[in-house]
């Protein structure tokens, strides 16, 4: 009986390890990169509805002076940025990392002003939803970091 229990425990452990190992994080990272690119593309296209599709209902976006919670509030706070024919800034993912579980991802890259000059860096946490889509749950930007090796 004890030997059977040991074998059963070993099998359960192997099944758990193989399901965790079977997640293709590189493929998931490509999905997140595509989602981030489409998210940024909605800003460039001046399409607030397409932008909103990428935001989780429980999203938390950090602004310069406050934190905005919830999809409706985030969309409302970004609405003025969609006015006018040209986006005031743009962004693009340079790096994406996905947890081995395949459930969360970090996307980061430069934020550029309308003239193309880098003015900051964004960091977004994406969550894979039950239907397989990726939604932004946290978003926070920061100023361009100074390179300490440059005088």
N, C-alpha and C. Protein backbone atom coordinates (compact mmCIF):
# COMPACT_ATOMS: atom_id res chain seq x y z
N UNK A 1 0.82 -1.19 0.00
CA UNK A 1 0.00 0.00 0.00
C UNK A 1 0.87 1.26 0.00
N UNK A 2 1.91 1.22 0.84
CA UNK A 2 2.79 2.37 0.93
C UNK A 2 3.50 2.60 -0.41
N UNK A 3 3.93 1.54 -1.07
CA UNK A 3 4.59 1.65 -2.37
C UNK A 3 3.66 2.23 -3.42
N UNK A 4 2.38 1.84 -3.40
CA UNK A 4 1.38 2.36 -4.34
C UNK A 4 1.19 3.85 -4.13
N UNK A 5 1.17 4.27 -2.87
CA UNK A 5 1.00 5.69 -2.54
C UNK A 5 2.18 6.51 -3.05
N UNK A 6 3.38 5.97 -2.92
CA UNK A 6 4.59 6.66 -3.39
C UNK A 6 4.53 6.81 -4.91
N UNK A 7 4.14 5.75 -5.61
CA UNK A 7 4.03 5.80 -7.07
C UNK A 7 2.97 6.82 -7.49
N UNK A 8 1.83 6.81 -6.81
CA UNK A 8 0.75 7.75 -7.13
C UNK A 8 1.22 9.20 -6.92
N UNK A 9 1.92 9.45 -5.83
CA UNK A 9 2.42 10.80 -5.55
C UNK A 9 3.44 11.21 -6.62
N UNK A 10 4.29 10.29 -7.02
CA UNK A 10 5.29 10.59 -8.05
C UNK A 10 4.62 10.91 -9.38
N UNK A 11 3.58 10.16 -9.72
CA UNK A 11 2.85 10.43 -10.96
C UNK A 11 2.17 11.79 -10.92
N UNK A 12 1.53 12.11 -9.81
CA UNK A 12 0.89 13.42 -9.68
C UNK A 12 1.91 14.54 -9.80
N UNK A 13 3.05 14.36 -9.20
CA UNK A 13 4.11 15.37 -9.31
C UNK A 13 4.60 15.51 -10.73
N UNK A 14 4.74 14.41 -11.43
CA UNK A 14 5.20 14.44 -12.83
C UNK A 14 4.17 15.11 -13.72
N UNK A 15 2.90 14.84 -13.47
CA UNK A 15 1.83 15.46 -14.27
C UNK A 15 1.84 16.97 -14.04
N UNK A 16 1.96 17.39 -12.80
CA UNK A 16 2.01 18.82 -12.50
C UNK A 16 3.21 19.48 -13.12
N UNK A 17 4.36 18.83 -13.07
CA UNK A 17 5.58 19.39 -13.65
C UNK A 17 5.48 19.45 -15.16
N UNK A 18 4.90 18.43 -15.78
CA UNK A 18 4.81 18.45 -17.24
C UNK A 18 3.81 19.49 -17.72
N UNK A 19 2.73 19.73 -16.98
CA UNK A 19 1.78 20.75 -17.43
C UNK A 19 2.39 22.14 -17.28
N UNK A 20 3.19 22.36 -16.24
CA UNK A 20 3.85 23.65 -16.10
C UNK A 20 4.92 23.81 -17.17
N UNK A 21 5.63 22.72 -17.48
CA UNK A 21 6.69 22.80 -18.48
C UNK A 21 6.13 22.90 -19.90
N UNK A 22 4.87 22.50 -20.09
CA UNK A 22 4.30 22.50 -21.43
C UNK A 22 3.85 23.89 -21.89
N UNK A 23 3.91 24.89 -21.03
CA UNK A 23 3.55 26.25 -21.42
C UNK A 23 4.65 26.81 -22.31
N UNK A 24 4.27 27.26 -23.49
CA UNK A 24 5.23 27.83 -24.43
C UNK A 24 5.30 29.34 -24.18
N UNK A 25 6.20 29.74 -23.29
CA UNK A 25 6.27 31.15 -22.91
C UNK A 25 6.69 32.04 -24.07
N UNK A 26 7.48 31.51 -24.99
CA UNK A 26 7.89 32.31 -26.16
C UNK A 26 6.68 32.64 -27.03
N UNK A 27 5.82 31.66 -27.25
CA UNK A 27 4.60 31.90 -28.04
C UNK A 27 3.67 32.86 -27.32
N UNK A 28 3.56 32.70 -26.01
CA UNK A 28 2.70 33.61 -25.23
C UNK A 28 3.28 35.02 -25.25
N UNK A 29 4.59 35.15 -25.19
CA UNK A 29 5.22 36.47 -25.25
C UNK A 29 4.89 37.15 -26.58
N UNK A 30 4.85 36.38 -27.65
CA UNK A 30 4.47 36.94 -28.96
C UNK A 30 3.03 37.42 -28.95
N UNK A 31 2.16 36.68 -28.27
CA UNK A 31 0.76 37.11 -28.14
C UNK A 31 0.66 38.44 -27.39
N UNK A 32 1.43 38.55 -26.30
CA UNK A 32 1.42 39.78 -25.51
C UNK A 32 1.99 40.93 -26.33
N UNK A 33 3.06 40.68 -27.06
CA UNK A 33 3.66 41.72 -27.90
C UNK A 33 2.64 42.19 -28.94
N UNK A 34 1.91 41.26 -29.53
CA UNK A 34 0.87 41.63 -30.51
C UNK A 34 -0.25 42.42 -29.85
N UNK A 35 -0.64 42.03 -28.64
CA UNK A 35 -1.69 42.76 -27.92
C UNK A 35 -1.22 44.17 -27.57
N UNK A 36 0.02 44.29 -27.08
CA UNK A 36 0.57 45.61 -26.74
C UNK A 36 0.67 46.49 -27.98
N UNK A 37 1.08 45.91 -29.09
CA UNK A 37 1.20 46.65 -30.36
C UNK A 37 -0.18 47.13 -30.84
N UNK A 38 -1.19 46.27 -30.71
CA UNK A 38 -2.55 46.66 -31.09
C UNK A 38 -3.10 47.74 -30.14
N UNK A 39 -2.77 47.62 -28.86
CA UNK A 39 -3.16 48.61 -27.85
C UNK A 39 -2.59 49.98 -28.22
N UNK A 40 -1.30 50.02 -28.52
CA UNK A 40 -0.65 51.27 -28.93
C UNK A 40 -1.19 51.74 -30.27
N UNK A 41 -1.48 50.79 -31.16
CA UNK A 41 -2.02 51.14 -32.48
C UNK A 41 -3.38 51.81 -32.39
N UNK A 42 -4.15 51.44 -31.38
CA UNK A 42 -5.46 52.08 -31.18
C UNK A 42 -5.28 53.56 -30.85
N UNK A 43 -4.24 53.89 -30.09
CA UNK A 43 -3.95 55.30 -29.79
C UNK A 43 -3.56 56.02 -31.08
N UNK A 44 -2.68 55.42 -31.86
CA UNK A 44 -2.22 56.03 -33.11
C UNK A 44 -3.38 56.23 -34.08
N UNK A 45 -4.32 55.28 -34.09
CA UNK A 45 -5.47 55.35 -34.98
C UNK A 45 -6.59 56.23 -34.42
N UNK A 46 -6.39 56.71 -33.18
CA UNK A 46 -7.36 57.59 -32.51
C UNK A 46 -8.67 56.85 -32.24
N UNK A 47 -8.59 55.56 -31.89
CA UNK A 47 -9.75 54.71 -31.70
C UNK A 47 -9.87 54.30 -30.24
N UNK A 48 -10.63 55.08 -29.48
CA UNK A 48 -10.77 54.84 -28.04
C UNK A 48 -11.44 53.50 -27.76
N UNK A 49 -12.41 53.10 -28.57
CA UNK A 49 -13.08 51.81 -28.35
C UNK A 49 -12.11 50.64 -28.51
N UNK A 50 -11.25 50.70 -29.53
CA UNK A 50 -10.26 49.65 -29.74
C UNK A 50 -9.24 49.64 -28.60
N UNK A 51 -8.91 50.81 -28.08
CA UNK A 51 -8.01 50.94 -26.93
C UNK A 51 -8.63 50.24 -25.71
N UNK A 52 -9.90 50.50 -25.47
CA UNK A 52 -10.60 49.98 -24.29
C UNK A 52 -10.67 48.46 -24.27
N UNK A 53 -10.70 47.84 -25.43
CA UNK A 53 -10.78 46.38 -25.52
C UNK A 53 -9.63 45.70 -24.78
N UNK A 54 -8.50 46.35 -24.68
CA UNK A 54 -7.30 45.75 -24.11
C UNK A 54 -7.17 45.94 -22.60
N UNK A 55 -8.11 46.64 -21.99
CA UNK A 55 -8.01 46.98 -20.57
C UNK A 55 -8.89 46.07 -19.73
N UNK A 56 -8.33 45.51 -18.67
CA UNK A 56 -9.07 44.67 -17.74
C UNK A 56 -10.09 45.51 -16.98
N UNK A 57 -11.20 44.87 -16.61
CA UNK A 57 -12.22 45.57 -15.81
C UNK A 57 -11.66 46.06 -14.49
N UNK A 58 -10.65 45.39 -13.97
CA UNK A 58 -10.07 45.79 -12.68
C UNK A 58 -8.70 46.43 -12.82
N UNK A 59 -8.44 47.03 -13.95
CA UNK A 59 -7.14 47.65 -14.23
C UNK A 59 -6.79 48.75 -13.24
N UNK A 60 -5.48 48.90 -13.04
CA UNK A 60 -4.92 49.99 -12.24
C UNK A 60 -3.87 50.68 -13.11
N UNK A 61 -4.13 51.95 -13.45
CA UNK A 61 -3.18 52.74 -14.25
C UNK A 61 -2.64 53.85 -13.38
N UNK A 62 -1.32 53.96 -13.37
CA UNK A 62 -0.66 55.02 -12.62
C UNK A 62 -0.52 56.24 -13.51
N UNK A 63 -0.94 57.39 -12.98
CA UNK A 63 -0.75 58.65 -13.68
C UNK A 63 0.34 59.45 -12.99
N UNK A 64 0.55 60.66 -13.47
CA UNK A 64 1.58 61.50 -12.85
C UNK A 64 1.26 61.84 -11.40
N UNK A 65 -0.02 62.05 -11.13
CA UNK A 65 -0.40 62.52 -9.79
C UNK A 65 -1.34 61.59 -9.04
N UNK A 66 -1.91 60.60 -9.72
CA UNK A 66 -2.87 59.73 -9.04
C UNK A 66 -2.94 58.37 -9.72
N UNK A 67 -3.66 57.48 -9.10
CA UNK A 67 -3.88 56.14 -9.61
C UNK A 67 -5.35 56.04 -10.03
N UNK A 68 -5.57 55.48 -11.20
CA UNK A 68 -6.93 55.30 -11.71
C UNK A 68 -7.26 53.82 -11.67
N UNK A 69 -8.42 53.50 -11.08
CA UNK A 69 -8.83 52.11 -10.90
C UNK A 69 -10.09 51.79 -11.70
N UNK A 70 -10.05 50.69 -12.41
CA UNK A 70 -11.21 50.20 -13.15
C UNK A 70 -11.20 50.66 -14.60
N UNK A 71 -11.69 49.78 -15.47
CA UNK A 71 -11.67 50.04 -16.90
C UNK A 71 -12.39 51.34 -17.26
N UNK A 72 -13.58 51.54 -16.74
CA UNK A 72 -14.36 52.74 -17.10
C UNK A 72 -13.61 54.01 -16.72
N UNK A 73 -13.01 54.02 -15.55
CA UNK A 73 -12.27 55.20 -15.10
C UNK A 73 -11.01 55.41 -15.93
N UNK A 74 -10.32 54.34 -16.29
CA UNK A 74 -9.12 54.46 -17.11
C UNK A 74 -9.48 55.02 -18.48
N UNK A 75 -10.51 54.46 -19.09
CA UNK A 75 -10.93 54.93 -20.42
C UNK A 75 -11.34 56.40 -20.34
N UNK A 76 -12.08 56.78 -19.32
CA UNK A 76 -12.50 58.18 -19.16
C UNK A 76 -11.28 59.10 -18.99
N UNK A 77 -10.29 58.65 -18.23
CA UNK A 77 -9.12 59.50 -17.99
C UNK A 77 -8.24 59.62 -19.24
N UNK A 78 -8.27 58.63 -20.11
CA UNK A 78 -7.47 58.67 -21.34
C UNK A 78 -8.23 59.32 -22.49
N UNK A 79 -9.53 59.49 -22.38
CA UNK A 79 -10.33 60.04 -23.48
C UNK A 79 -9.78 61.35 -24.04
N UNK A 80 -9.37 62.31 -23.21
CA UNK A 80 -8.82 63.56 -23.76
C UNK A 80 -7.57 63.35 -24.63
N UNK A 81 -6.83 62.27 -24.37
CA UNK A 81 -5.63 61.98 -25.15
C UNK A 81 -5.96 61.49 -26.56
N UNK A 82 -7.22 61.17 -26.79
CA UNK A 82 -7.67 60.70 -28.11
C UNK A 82 -8.28 61.82 -28.94
N UNK A 83 -8.35 63.02 -28.38
CA UNK A 83 -8.88 64.17 -29.13
C UNK A 83 -7.80 64.70 -30.07
N UNK A 84 -8.21 65.19 -31.18
CA UNK A 84 -7.26 65.73 -32.15
C UNK A 84 -6.82 64.67 -33.14
N UNK A 85 -6.28 65.13 -34.25
CA UNK A 85 -5.91 64.20 -35.33
C UNK A 85 -4.63 63.40 -35.09
N UNK A 86 -3.77 63.88 -34.20
CA UNK A 86 -2.48 63.22 -33.99
C UNK A 86 -2.31 62.84 -32.52
N UNK A 87 -1.83 61.63 -32.28
CA UNK A 87 -1.60 61.17 -30.91
C UNK A 87 -0.50 62.00 -30.25
N UNK A 88 -0.67 62.36 -28.98
CA UNK A 88 0.34 63.15 -28.30
C UNK A 88 1.61 62.35 -27.97
N UNK A 89 1.49 61.03 -27.97
CA UNK A 89 2.64 60.16 -27.71
C UNK A 89 2.35 58.77 -28.27
N UNK A 90 3.39 57.96 -28.31
CA UNK A 90 3.26 56.59 -28.78
C UNK A 90 4.15 55.69 -27.94
N UNK A 91 3.94 54.40 -28.06
CA UNK A 91 4.79 53.45 -27.35
C UNK A 91 4.84 52.14 -28.14
N UNK A 92 5.86 51.36 -27.84
CA UNK A 92 6.03 50.06 -28.50
C UNK A 92 6.80 49.13 -27.57
N UNK A 93 6.40 47.87 -27.53
CA UNK A 93 7.10 46.92 -26.65
C UNK A 93 8.48 46.57 -27.17
N UNK A 94 9.47 46.66 -26.30
CA UNK A 94 10.83 46.21 -26.62
C UNK A 94 11.14 44.89 -25.95
N UNK A 95 10.50 44.66 -24.80
CA UNK A 95 10.73 43.39 -24.10
C UNK A 95 9.41 42.91 -23.51
N UNK A 96 9.24 41.60 -23.56
CA UNK A 96 8.07 40.95 -22.98
C UNK A 96 8.54 39.69 -22.28
N UNK A 97 8.12 39.50 -21.06
CA UNK A 97 8.41 38.27 -20.31
C UNK A 97 7.11 37.72 -19.76
N UNK A 98 6.96 36.41 -19.84
CA UNK A 98 5.75 35.73 -19.38
C UNK A 98 6.12 34.76 -18.26
N UNK A 99 5.30 34.72 -17.21
CA UNK A 99 5.52 33.74 -16.15
C UNK A 99 5.45 32.34 -16.71
N UNK A 100 6.15 31.40 -16.09
CA UNK A 100 6.11 30.01 -16.53
C UNK A 100 4.70 29.44 -16.48
N UNK A 101 3.85 30.00 -15.62
CA UNK A 101 2.46 29.53 -15.55
C UNK A 101 1.64 30.00 -16.76
N UNK A 102 2.17 30.99 -17.49
CA UNK A 102 1.46 31.51 -18.66
C UNK A 102 0.30 32.42 -18.33
N UNK A 103 0.24 32.91 -17.11
CA UNK A 103 -0.91 33.71 -16.69
C UNK A 103 -0.67 35.21 -16.64
N UNK A 104 0.56 35.63 -16.41
CA UNK A 104 0.90 37.06 -16.33
C UNK A 104 2.12 37.35 -17.20
N UNK A 105 2.16 38.57 -17.70
CA UNK A 105 3.30 38.99 -18.52
C UNK A 105 3.62 40.45 -18.24
N UNK A 106 4.89 40.79 -18.41
CA UNK A 106 5.36 42.17 -18.31
C UNK A 106 5.80 42.61 -19.70
N UNK A 107 5.28 43.74 -20.13
CA UNK A 107 5.69 44.35 -21.39
C UNK A 107 6.28 45.71 -21.06
N UNK A 108 7.41 46.04 -21.69
CA UNK A 108 8.06 47.32 -21.41
C UNK A 108 8.71 47.85 -22.68
N UNK A 109 8.83 49.17 -22.73
CA UNK A 109 9.48 49.79 -23.88
C UNK A 109 9.41 51.30 -23.81
N UNK A 110 9.88 51.95 -24.86
CA UNK A 110 9.94 53.41 -24.86
C UNK A 110 8.58 54.06 -25.13
N UNK A 111 8.42 55.24 -24.54
CA UNK A 111 7.30 56.13 -24.84
C UNK A 111 7.93 57.31 -25.59
N UNK A 112 7.32 57.67 -26.72
CA UNK A 112 7.87 58.75 -27.54
C UNK A 112 6.84 59.86 -27.72
N UNK A 113 7.32 61.11 -27.76
CA UNK A 113 6.41 62.23 -28.01
C UNK A 113 6.00 62.23 -29.48
N UNK A 114 5.18 63.19 -29.86
CA UNK A 114 4.66 63.25 -31.24
C UNK A 114 5.77 63.42 -32.27
N UNK A 115 6.92 63.94 -31.84
CA UNK A 115 8.05 64.11 -32.76
C UNK A 115 8.98 62.89 -32.80
N UNK A 116 8.69 61.87 -32.01
CA UNK A 116 9.48 60.66 -32.01
C UNK A 116 10.59 60.60 -30.99
N UNK A 117 10.73 61.64 -30.16
CA UNK A 117 11.77 61.66 -29.12
C UNK A 117 11.30 60.85 -27.92
N UNK A 118 12.18 60.00 -27.39
CA UNK A 118 11.81 59.22 -26.22
C UNK A 118 11.66 60.14 -25.01
N UNK A 119 10.50 60.03 -24.37
CA UNK A 119 10.20 60.86 -23.20
C UNK A 119 9.98 60.03 -21.95
N UNK A 120 9.96 58.72 -22.10
CA UNK A 120 9.71 57.86 -20.96
C UNK A 120 9.80 56.40 -21.33
N UNK A 121 9.44 55.57 -20.35
CA UNK A 121 9.39 54.13 -20.51
C UNK A 121 8.09 53.65 -19.90
N UNK A 122 7.43 52.72 -20.56
CA UNK A 122 6.21 52.16 -19.99
C UNK A 122 6.48 50.75 -19.48
N UNK A 123 5.70 50.35 -18.50
CA UNK A 123 5.71 49.00 -17.95
C UNK A 123 4.26 48.58 -17.77
N UNK A 124 3.85 47.53 -18.45
CA UNK A 124 2.48 47.05 -18.36
C UNK A 124 2.47 45.59 -17.94
N UNK A 125 1.58 45.27 -17.03
CA UNK A 125 1.37 43.88 -16.63
C UNK A 125 0.08 43.42 -17.31
N UNK A 126 0.20 42.34 -18.05
CA UNK A 126 -0.91 41.75 -18.78
C UNK A 126 -1.31 40.44 -18.11
N UNK A 127 -2.62 40.16 -18.10
CA UNK A 127 -3.12 38.90 -17.54
C UNK A 127 -3.87 38.14 -18.64
N UNK A 128 -3.59 36.85 -18.73
CA UNK A 128 -4.32 36.03 -19.69
C UNK A 128 -5.65 35.64 -19.07
N UNK A 129 -6.71 36.03 -19.73
CA UNK A 129 -8.07 35.79 -19.23
C UNK A 129 -8.51 34.36 -19.56
N UNK A 130 -9.63 33.95 -18.99
CA UNK A 130 -10.15 32.59 -19.19
C UNK A 130 -10.38 32.27 -20.66
N UNK A 131 -10.73 33.29 -21.46
CA UNK A 131 -10.98 33.06 -22.89
C UNK A 131 -9.69 33.09 -23.72
N UNK A 132 -8.53 33.26 -23.06
CA UNK A 132 -7.25 33.25 -23.75
C UNK A 132 -6.75 34.62 -24.19
N UNK A 133 -7.58 35.65 -24.07
CA UNK A 133 -7.14 36.99 -24.44
C UNK A 133 -6.27 37.58 -23.33
N UNK A 134 -5.44 38.54 -23.72
CA UNK A 134 -4.58 39.23 -22.77
C UNK A 134 -5.15 40.61 -22.51
N UNK A 135 -5.24 41.01 -21.23
CA UNK A 135 -5.74 42.33 -20.84
C UNK A 135 -4.73 42.99 -19.90
N UNK A 136 -4.61 44.30 -20.03
CA UNK A 136 -3.73 45.06 -19.13
C UNK A 136 -4.39 45.16 -17.76
N UNK A 137 -3.64 44.76 -16.71
CA UNK A 137 -4.14 44.91 -15.35
C UNK A 137 -3.41 46.02 -14.59
N UNK A 138 -2.15 46.25 -14.91
CA UNK A 138 -1.39 47.36 -14.32
C UNK A 138 -0.62 48.06 -15.43
N UNK A 139 -0.57 49.38 -15.34
CA UNK A 139 0.20 50.16 -16.30
C UNK A 139 0.87 51.31 -15.56
N UNK A 140 2.18 51.44 -15.76
CA UNK A 140 2.90 52.53 -15.11
C UNK A 140 4.07 52.95 -15.98
N UNK A 141 4.17 54.22 -16.20
CA UNK A 141 5.28 54.77 -16.95
C UNK A 141 6.25 55.46 -16.02
N UNK A 142 7.42 55.76 -16.57
CA UNK A 142 8.42 56.49 -15.79
C UNK A 142 9.24 57.32 -16.76
N UNK A 143 9.90 58.37 -16.27
CA UNK A 143 10.76 59.18 -17.14
C UNK A 143 11.90 58.35 -17.70
N UNK A 144 12.53 58.87 -18.72
CA UNK A 144 13.69 58.21 -19.29
C UNK A 144 14.76 58.13 -18.22
N UNK A 145 15.33 56.94 -18.07
CA UNK A 145 16.39 56.75 -17.08
C UNK A 145 17.69 57.34 -17.60
N UNK A 146 18.41 57.99 -16.72
CA UNK A 146 19.72 58.51 -17.07
C UNK A 146 20.72 57.35 -17.11
N UNK A 147 21.60 57.37 -18.07
CA UNK A 147 22.65 56.36 -18.18
C UNK A 147 23.82 56.81 -17.30
N UNK A 148 24.08 56.09 -16.19
CA UNK A 148 25.14 56.52 -15.28
C UNK A 148 26.54 56.46 -15.88
N UNK A 149 26.69 55.75 -17.00
CA UNK A 149 28.02 55.66 -17.62
C UNK A 149 28.34 56.88 -18.48
N UNK A 150 27.33 57.70 -18.75
CA UNK A 150 27.56 58.91 -19.56
C UNK A 150 27.78 60.12 -18.67
N UNK A 151 28.75 60.97 -19.02
CA UNK A 151 29.03 62.17 -18.19
C UNK A 151 27.93 63.20 -18.30
